[in-house]
């Protein structure tokens, strides 16, 4: 019996002995008078046992078995060691047919010291630009060199609709003009022409870093697509945040599906 329960017993005992009124007992215990009357009836019937909850010592009906808990912790250590909690819940549900609440899963992961930490966010506050009003008005394009699969770096070139965040992407050995043109052509084949393309100042797109005439710029001019150059990486934050998500979620999924080459990675995309 803890101190709170002991206090309740002492006060109800005084009420039963006529040494304290129900009103004063209700004020001391921060309960209603009706609750004090109910406590008093139980005290007179079963004694101090009235303070013990009927479910005390019983396992909750919705408690997950220890066997499931141990199985999930083994999976976290051996199979899903590089997966964040939100992604882990989805993979457990889809791949292992195990459904666990987020907070329960978080506590299990903390017990084995296996929680993937979130990336440190930039400290500078920036106002997020509003999305375009409709699809096809503005698309953002960029490449992300990374060790997506295997030991060598490859580049994920992606184009994203500013209004809907719909992404079209493909893996290449590096960020090249041919790769950007292929992604651009595949998008146009599927969705049609669009109004403007928002990119960084790389020479591929005709920015100040170019050494020769940009074929991307020529192609966009002939198609009537305006190229807009971002003044900073934060300006094209939609595509930059998408790459953060892909590096966090796509890399573990490629590993789990045993994808080790570029052709397999593009088929998976």
Protein backbone atom coordinates (compact mmCIF):
# COMPACT_ATOMS: atom_id res chain seq x y z
CA UNK A 1 0.00 0.00 0.00
CA UNK A 2 1.52 3.33 -1.02
CA UNK A 3 1.26 6.60 0.89
CA UNK A 4 -1.73 7.83 -1.10
CA UNK A 5 -3.69 4.65 -0.44
CA UNK A 6 -2.72 4.78 3.26
CA UNK A 7 -3.99 8.36 3.51
CA UNK A 8 -7.30 7.32 1.91
CA UNK A 9 -7.71 4.46 4.40
CA UNK A 10 -6.93 6.72 7.38
CA UNK A 11 -9.43 9.39 6.33
CA UNK A 12 -12.22 6.92 5.53
CA UNK A 13 -11.62 5.24 8.89
CA UNK A 14 -12.10 8.58 10.65
CA UNK A 15 -15.31 9.17 8.69
CA UNK A 16 -16.55 5.71 9.76
CA UNK A 17 -15.75 6.52 13.39
CA UNK A 18 -17.62 9.87 13.17
CA UNK A 19 -14.43 11.90 13.70
CA UNK A 20 -14.60 13.58 10.29
CA UNK A 21 -17.41 14.69 8.01
CA UNK A 22 -17.86 13.45 4.46
CA UNK A 23 -17.49 17.04 3.17
CA UNK A 24 -14.07 17.49 4.83
CA UNK A 25 -12.94 14.05 3.67
CA UNK A 26 -13.90 14.95 0.09
CA UNK A 27 -11.82 18.13 0.31
CA UNK A 28 -8.77 16.32 1.71
CA UNK A 29 -8.85 13.55 -0.90
CA UNK A 30 -9.96 15.86 -3.73
CA UNK A 31 -12.93 13.58 -4.44
CA UNK A 32 -16.64 14.12 -4.68
CA UNK A 33 -18.93 13.47 -1.71
CA UNK A 34 -20.53 10.62 -3.65
CA UNK A 35 -17.13 8.93 -4.04
CA UNK A 36 -16.45 9.27 -0.29
CA UNK A 37 -19.83 7.67 0.45
CA UNK A 38 -18.94 4.80 -1.88
CA UNK A 39 -15.55 4.36 -0.18
CA UNK A 40 -17.29 4.34 3.19
CA UNK A 41 -19.74 1.62 2.13
CA UNK A 42 -16.91 -0.58 0.86
CA UNK A 43 -14.85 0.06 4.00
CA UNK A 44 -17.73 -1.02 6.21
CA UNK A 45 -18.19 -4.12 4.06
CA UNK A 46 -14.65 -5.42 3.33
CA UNK A 47 -12.37 -3.26 5.47
CA UNK A 48 -9.19 -1.63 4.19
CA UNK A 49 -9.21 -3.87 1.08
CA UNK A 50 -11.58 -1.35 -0.51
CA UNK A 51 -8.57 0.79 -1.49
CA UNK A 52 -7.05 -1.98 -3.65
CA UNK A 53 -8.19 -1.82 -7.27
CA UNK A 54 -9.88 -4.97 -8.56
CA UNK A 55 -7.44 -5.18 -11.48
CA UNK A 56 -4.41 -4.94 -9.22
CA UNK A 57 -1.97 -7.78 -9.93
CA UNK A 58 -3.75 -8.84 -13.11
CA UNK A 59 -2.23 -8.60 -16.57
CA UNK A 60 -4.02 -6.26 -19.00
CA UNK A 61 -6.16 -8.07 -21.55
CA UNK A 62 -4.37 -6.25 -24.41
CA UNK A 63 -0.83 -6.98 -23.16
CA UNK A 64 1.55 -8.24 -25.84
CA UNK A 65 3.29 -11.46 -24.90
CA UNK A 66 6.95 -11.45 -23.87
CA UNK A 67 7.70 -13.84 -26.73
CA UNK A 68 6.58 -11.23 -29.28
CA UNK A 69 8.62 -8.58 -27.50
CA UNK A 70 11.77 -10.71 -27.60
CA UNK A 71 11.17 -11.59 -31.26
CA UNK A 72 10.83 -7.89 -32.19
CA UNK A 73 14.00 -6.98 -30.28
CA UNK A 74 15.92 -9.71 -32.11
CA UNK A 75 14.60 -8.40 -35.43
CA UNK A 76 15.72 -4.86 -34.51
CA UNK A 77 19.24 -6.07 -33.67
CA UNK A 78 19.76 -8.44 -36.59
CA UNK A 79 17.53 -7.26 -39.46
CA UNK A 80 16.22 -3.72 -38.95
CA UNK A 81 19.22 -2.14 -37.21
CA UNK A 82 19.34 0.89 -39.57
CA UNK A 83 15.60 1.65 -39.67
CA UNK A 84 13.85 4.49 -37.83
CA UNK A 85 10.87 3.80 -35.58
CA UNK A 86 8.12 4.99 -37.94
CA UNK A 87 9.58 2.97 -40.79
CA UNK A 88 10.14 0.01 -38.47
CA UNK A 89 6.45 -0.12 -37.54
CA UNK A 90 5.50 -0.29 -41.21
CA UNK A 91 8.06 -3.01 -42.00
CA UNK A 92 7.02 -5.13 -39.00
CA UNK A 93 3.40 -4.90 -40.11
CA UNK A 94 4.08 -5.64 -43.80
CA UNK A 95 6.97 -8.13 -43.60
CA UNK A 96 6.52 -9.82 -40.20
CA UNK A 97 2.74 -9.42 -39.67
CA UNK A 98 3.43 -7.90 -36.24
CA UNK A 99 1.43 -4.84 -35.18
CA UNK A 100 2.87 -2.81 -32.31
CA UNK A 101 1.94 0.64 -31.05
CA UNK A 102 4.55 3.32 -31.59
CA UNK A 103 5.27 4.03 -27.91
CA UNK A 104 5.49 0.32 -27.11
CA UNK A 105 7.94 -0.17 -29.95
CA UNK A 106 9.96 2.84 -28.82
CA UNK A 107 10.28 1.48 -25.27
CA UNK A 108 11.35 -1.96 -26.57
CA UNK A 109 14.00 -0.34 -28.79
CA UNK A 110 15.28 1.81 -25.91
CA UNK A 111 15.64 -1.27 -23.71
CA UNK A 112 18.24 -2.71 -26.09
CA UNK A 113 19.80 0.73 -26.80
CA UNK A 114 18.96 0.45 -30.48
CA UNK A 115 17.18 3.66 -31.49
CA UNK A 116 18.14 5.41 -34.72
CA UNK A 117 18.66 9.07 -33.87
CA UNK A 118 17.12 11.82 -35.94
CA UNK A 119 19.43 14.05 -37.93
CA UNK A 120 20.40 17.33 -36.32
CA UNK A 121 18.23 19.99 -37.90
CA UNK A 122 19.62 23.33 -38.98
CA UNK A 123 19.30 25.92 -36.23
CA UNK A 124 18.44 28.82 -38.52
CA UNK A 125 14.72 29.35 -38.86
CA UNK A 126 13.44 29.68 -42.41
CA UNK A 127 9.99 30.47 -43.71
CA UNK A 128 8.72 27.67 -45.93
CA UNK A 129 7.51 28.77 -49.33
CA UNK A 130 3.89 27.95 -50.18
CA UNK A 131 3.28 25.15 -52.68
CA UNK A 132 2.24 25.89 -56.23
CA UNK A 133 -1.52 26.05 -56.78
CA UNK A 134 -1.69 23.14 -59.26
CA UNK A 135 0.53 20.34 -60.66
CA UNK A 136 2.88 21.11 -63.54
CA UNK A 137 3.51 24.77 -62.69
CA UNK A 138 6.91 24.21 -61.03
CA UNK A 139 9.15 21.16 -60.70
CA UNK A 140 12.38 20.88 -58.74
CA UNK A 141 15.30 18.76 -59.95
CA UNK A 142 18.54 17.68 -58.32
CA UNK A 143 20.92 14.76 -57.82
CA UNK A 144 22.03 13.08 -54.60
CA UNK A 145 25.39 11.23 -54.67
CA UNK A 146 25.41 8.63 -51.90
CA UNK A 147 26.22 5.02 -51.08
CA UNK A 148 22.70 3.89 -51.86
CA UNK A 149 23.65 0.23 -52.37
CA UNK A 150 26.95 -1.63 -52.23
CA UNK A 151 30.27 0.07 -51.46
CA UNK A 152 30.44 2.56 -54.34
CA UNK A 153 28.64 5.86 -54.60
CA UNK A 154 25.91 6.36 -57.16
CA UNK A 155 23.65 9.32 -57.87
CA UNK A 156 19.88 9.43 -57.51
CA UNK A 157 18.58 12.04 -59.96
CA UNK A 158 15.05 13.06 -59.05
CA UNK A 159 12.40 15.50 -60.20
CA UNK A 160 9.54 16.48 -57.87
CA UNK A 161 6.32 18.38 -58.47
CA UNK A 162 6.16 21.37 -56.15
CA UNK A 163 2.37 21.16 -55.81
CA UNK A 164 1.93 17.42 -55.12
CA UNK A 165 5.42 16.16 -54.11
CA UNK A 166 5.09 13.40 -56.74
CA UNK A 167 8.61 12.11 -57.44
CA UNK A 168 10.17 10.57 -60.56
CA UNK A 169 13.73 9.33 -60.08
CA UNK A 170 16.43 7.03 -61.42
CA UNK A 171 19.90 5.90 -60.34
CA UNK A 172 22.98 6.81 -62.40
CA UNK A 173 26.73 6.51 -61.84
CA UNK A 174 26.96 10.28 -61.40
CA UNK A 175 24.97 13.46 -61.97
CA UNK A 176 25.38 13.98 -65.71
CA UNK A 177 23.59 15.83 -68.48
CA UNK A 178 22.44 12.56 -70.03
CA UNK A 179 21.01 11.38 -66.70
CA UNK A 180 19.10 14.63 -66.15
CA UNK A 181 17.79 14.58 -69.72
CA UNK A 182 16.59 10.98 -69.31
CA UNK A 183 14.70 11.74 -66.08
CA UNK A 184 13.22 14.86 -67.71
CA UNK A 185 12.12 12.91 -70.80
CA UNK A 186 10.61 10.06 -68.75
CA UNK A 187 8.63 12.57 -66.69
CA UNK A 188 7.32 14.37 -69.78
CA UNK A 189 6.38 11.03 -71.41
CA UNK A 190 4.26 10.14 -68.36
CA UNK A 191 2.87 13.51 -67.23
CA UNK A 192 3.31 15.95 -70.11
CA UNK A 193 5.10 19.31 -70.35
CA UNK A 194 5.33 21.63 -67.38
CA UNK A 195 5.88 25.37 -66.86
CA UNK A 196 9.16 25.87 -64.97
CA UNK A 197 12.12 23.89 -63.59
CA UNK A 198 13.73 24.98 -60.30
CA UNK A 199 17.39 23.88 -60.06
CA UNK A 200 20.72 24.77 -58.47
CA UNK A 201 23.46 26.70 -60.27
CA UNK A 202 25.34 23.66 -61.58
CA UNK A 203 26.77 23.85 -65.07
CA UNK A 204 24.48 21.01 -66.21
CA UNK A 205 21.54 23.40 -66.05
CA UNK A 206 23.37 26.40 -67.56
CA UNK A 207 24.42 28.00 -64.29
CA UNK A 208 27.62 30.02 -63.76
CA UNK A 209 29.67 26.84 -63.19
CA UNK A 210 29.23 25.68 -66.80
CA UNK A 211 32.23 25.32 -69.08
CA UNK A 212 30.35 24.72 -72.34
CA UNK A 213 26.84 25.34 -73.64
CA UNK A 214 24.25 23.52 -71.49
CA UNK A 215 22.23 20.92 -73.38
CA UNK A 216 19.67 20.89 -70.53
CA UNK A 217 19.18 24.61 -71.05
CA UNK A 218 18.83 24.16 -74.82
CA UNK A 219 16.28 21.34 -74.40
CA UNK A 220 14.19 23.34 -71.92
CA UNK A 221 14.28 26.41 -74.19
CA UNK A 222 12.99 24.36 -77.13
CA UNK A 223 10.23 22.84 -74.99
CA UNK A 224 9.19 26.20 -73.55
CA UNK A 225 10.24 25.26 -69.98
CA UNK A 226 11.65 28.16 -67.96
CA UNK A 227 14.71 27.35 -65.81
CA UNK A 228 14.79 29.12 -62.43
CA UNK A 229 18.03 29.06 -60.44
CA UNK A 230 17.93 28.72 -56.65
CA UNK A 231 20.14 31.05 -54.62
CA UNK A 232 20.69 28.46 -51.89
CA UNK A 233 20.02 24.75 -51.15
CA UNK A 234 17.21 25.84 -48.82
CA UNK A 235 15.45 27.45 -51.80
CA UNK A 236 14.77 24.02 -53.31
CA UNK A 237 13.93 22.53 -49.94
CA UNK A 238 11.20 20.25 -51.32
CA UNK A 239 13.69 18.08 -53.22
CA UNK A 240 16.38 18.36 -50.51
CA UNK A 241 13.97 17.07 -47.83
CA UNK A 242 12.93 14.25 -50.18
CA UNK A 243 16.57 13.14 -50.44
CA UNK A 244 16.80 13.13 -46.61
CA UNK A 245 13.75 10.83 -46.52
CA UNK A 246 15.14 8.56 -49.24
CA UNK A 247 18.52 8.23 -47.49
CA UNK A 248 16.71 7.36 -44.27
CA UNK A 249 14.21 4.85 -45.70
CA UNK A 250 15.30 3.72 -49.16
CA UNK A 251 18.79 2.51 -48.17
CA UNK A 252 17.49 -0.01 -45.56
CA UNK A 253 14.80 -1.21 -47.98
CA UNK A 254 17.37 -1.81 -50.73
CA UNK A 255 19.49 -3.77 -48.24
CA UNK A 256 16.52 -5.83 -47.02
CA UNK A 257 15.60 -6.67 -50.62
CA UNK A 258 19.24 -7.67 -51.35
CA UNK A 259 19.66 -5.02 -54.05
CA UNK A 260 23.36 -4.61 -54.81
CA UNK A 261 23.53 -3.16 -58.34
CA UNK A 262 22.11 -0.21 -60.24
CA UNK A 263 19.76 -2.22 -62.47
CA UNK A 264 18.19 -3.89 -59.43
CA UNK A 265 17.89 -0.52 -57.65
CA UNK A 266 16.10 1.04 -60.62
CA UNK A 267 13.75 -1.92 -60.88
CA UNK A 268 12.97 -1.49 -57.19
CA UNK A 269 12.24 2.22 -57.73
